[in-house]
Structures are given as C-alpha cells and as structure tokens.
C-alpha cells in the first residue's frame, strides 16, 4: 500500500489523467499525494497547469500538495533528464509510489531523441510506478 505518492504533471491530458488516478489511489489507501510541475516556463502556461491541477485535487479527500519547480536555466528538457529529476524528488522526499502519464512518441526517431521520463523512472527500479496511458 502506498503512503506517499508523487504525480509529476506536464500540462498534457495524459498528465492530468495520471493526476486524477493518483488522487483516487491516495483516497483509496489514505495516502498523501504531492503533484509537481517541472517547467522551463514560469508564467501563464504554468499557471494554467496549476489551476487545472487544483481543480482535480479539490475532488479528493486525501492530503495533497501542489508545487511548480521552475528550471528556467534550461532551454530543452530531454525526458531522461526529467526522469532523473523525478527520481531525485523520490529520494529526497521518501515517496514510495509514483504515478505518471505516458504517451508513445509518434515514431522511432522521436522516441530515440525524446526518450521517456516514465521509462527512466521504471528502469531505475527505485520506486513503484503506475503508468497511466
């Protein structure tokens, strides 16, 4: 049973589906849920992501928190780097479960270039991961 759940959100529909699933999981297991939005933009786009996430979190009785983690020094965030950022949060804060949304890139070239943050977390085997399509 999870006690501390982390849901990284990226502003996509699949990310918000993962957040909804994470909220249901936290409620079912009386766990805490933290959502984090790692972004290179700290402006209107991040505010819109946070507003939508707040609406989702308002539907749960679980203990929740929501934060924006700006990394404004980077122009490009490859997925494996995001995966490593997530794993750092897991280690620093003691999460025992991560819920992430994941969509396959449209083709093998995009997959090779972009990679997958969820795949990075999964391959680490450091934390239980639920992937929401």
Foldseek 3Di string as FASTA:
>chain_A
DWAEEEQEAALDPLSVVLLLVVLVVCQVVLHEYEYEYEELDDDDSVVVSVVSSVVSNVVHPHHYYYYYHHDNVDPDQALLNVLVVVVVCCVVPVGAEYGYEDDDPPDDVCCVRRPHSLVNNVVVPPHHYHYGD
